[in-house]
Amino acid sequence: MSASELIYFVMTFVVVTLATRYIGPFIGRPRTPWRGAVTFGLIIAFIGWAIGA
């Protein structure tokens, strides 16, 4: 994994994790626990890295 791939991975992870954590109340759902948000963020960031690699 090169430096730019790592930067994109971390950026995707942070954005997806925070969005998953805080978007729930805006659409009428309960707030997602941190563990679930982090897990989902890692999965989405990995898929993005695998597609881009």
C-alpha atoms as a PDB file:
ATOM      1  CA  MET A   1       0.000   0.000   0.000  1.00  0.00           C
ATOM      2  CA  SER A   2       1.559   3.274  -1.104  1.00  0.00           C
ATOM      3  CA  ALA A   3       1.283   6.533   0.789  1.00  0.00           C
ATOM      4  CA  SER A   4      -1.523   7.890  -1.386  1.00  0.00           C
ATOM      5  CA  GLU A   5      -3.499   4.638  -1.040  1.00  0.00           C
ATOM      6  CA  LEU A   6      -3.072   4.843   2.727  1.00  0.00           C
ATOM      7  CA  ILE A   7      -4.301   8.453   2.763  1.00  0.00           C
ATOM      8  CA  TYR A   8      -7.404   7.536   0.739  1.00  0.00           C
ATOM      9  CA  PHE A   9      -8.032   4.497   2.973  1.00  0.00           C
ATOM     10  CA  VAL A  10      -7.842   6.589   6.160  1.00  0.00           C
ATOM     11  CA  MET A  11      -9.966   9.411   4.702  1.00  0.00           C
ATOM     12  CA  THR A  12     -12.636   6.957   3.555  1.00  0.00           C
ATOM     13  CA  PHE A  13     -12.562   5.193   6.917  1.00  0.00           C
ATOM     14  CA  VAL A  14     -12.966   8.438   8.889  1.00  0.00           C
ATOM     15  CA  VAL A  15     -15.750   9.846   6.693  1.00  0.00           C
ATOM     16  CA  VAL A  16     -17.767   6.609   6.574  1.00  0.00           C
ATOM     17  CA  THR A  17     -17.327   5.969  10.312  1.00  0.00           C
ATOM     18  CA  LEU A  18     -18.456   9.466  11.322  1.00  0.00           C
ATOM     19  CA  ALA A  19     -21.319   9.446   8.820  1.00  0.00           C
ATOM     20  CA  THR A  20     -22.505   6.050  10.055  1.00  0.00           C
ATOM     21  CA  ARG A  21     -22.275   7.244  13.651  1.00  0.00           C
ATOM     22  CA  TYR A  22     -24.091  10.564  13.303  1.00  0.00           C
ATOM     23  CA  ILE A  23     -26.449  10.306  10.298  1.00  0.00           C
ATOM     24  CA  GLY A  24     -28.973   8.017  12.045  1.00  0.00           C
ATOM     25  CA  PRO A  25     -30.906  10.683  13.989  1.00  0.00           C
ATOM     26  CA  PHE A  26     -31.356  12.731  10.793  1.00  0.00           C
ATOM     27  CA  ILE A  27     -33.267   9.877   9.155  1.00  0.00           C
ATOM     28  CA  GLY A  28     -35.250   8.878  12.241  1.00  0.00           C
ATOM     29  CA  ARG A  29     -33.079   6.001  13.421  1.00  0.00           C
ATOM     30  CA  PRO A  30     -31.172   5.563  16.684  1.00  0.00           C
ATOM     31  CA  ARG A  31     -27.517   6.547  16.769  1.00  0.00           C
ATOM     32  CA  THR A  32     -25.169   3.726  15.728  1.00  0.00           C
ATOM     33  CA  PRO A  33     -22.749   2.529  18.444  1.00  0.00           C
ATOM     34  CA  TRP A  34     -19.052   3.292  17.868  1.00  0.00           C
ATOM     35  CA  ARG A  35     -18.143  -0.382  17.466  1.00  0.00           C
ATOM     36  CA  GLY A  36     -20.633  -0.878  14.648  1.00  0.00           C
ATOM     37  CA  ALA A  37     -19.673   2.394  12.953  1.00  0.00           C
ATOM     38  CA  VAL A  38     -15.953   1.547  13.062  1.00  0.00           C
ATOM     39  CA  THR A  39     -16.570  -1.956  11.721  1.00  0.00           C
ATOM     40  CA  PHE A  40     -18.696  -0.621   8.862  1.00  0.00           C
ATOM     41  CA  GLY A  41     -16.089   2.067   8.131  1.00  0.00           C
ATOM     42  CA  LEU A  42     -13.323  -0.532   7.906  1.00  0.00           C
ATOM     43  CA  ILE A  43     -15.382  -2.735   5.587  1.00  0.00           C
ATOM     44  CA  ILE A  44     -16.240   0.126   3.216  1.00  0.00           C
ATOM     45  CA  ALA A  45     -12.655   1.477   3.235  1.00  0.00           C
ATOM     46  CA  PHE A  46     -11.301  -2.006   2.473  1.00  0.00           C
ATOM     47  CA  ILE A  47     -13.751  -2.475  -0.406  1.00  0.00           C
ATOM     48  CA  GLY A  48     -12.736   0.912  -1.797  1.00  0.00           C
ATOM     49  CA  TRP A  49      -9.060   0.026  -1.499  1.00  0.00           C
ATOM     50  CA  ALA A  50      -9.610  -3.388  -3.147  1.00  0.00           C
ATOM     51  CA  ILE A  51     -11.463  -1.818  -6.084  1.00  0.00           C
ATOM     52  CA  GLY A  52      -8.823   0.868  -6.533  1.00  0.00           C
ATOM     53  CA  ALA A  53      -5.824  -1.449  -6.173  1.00  0.00           C
END
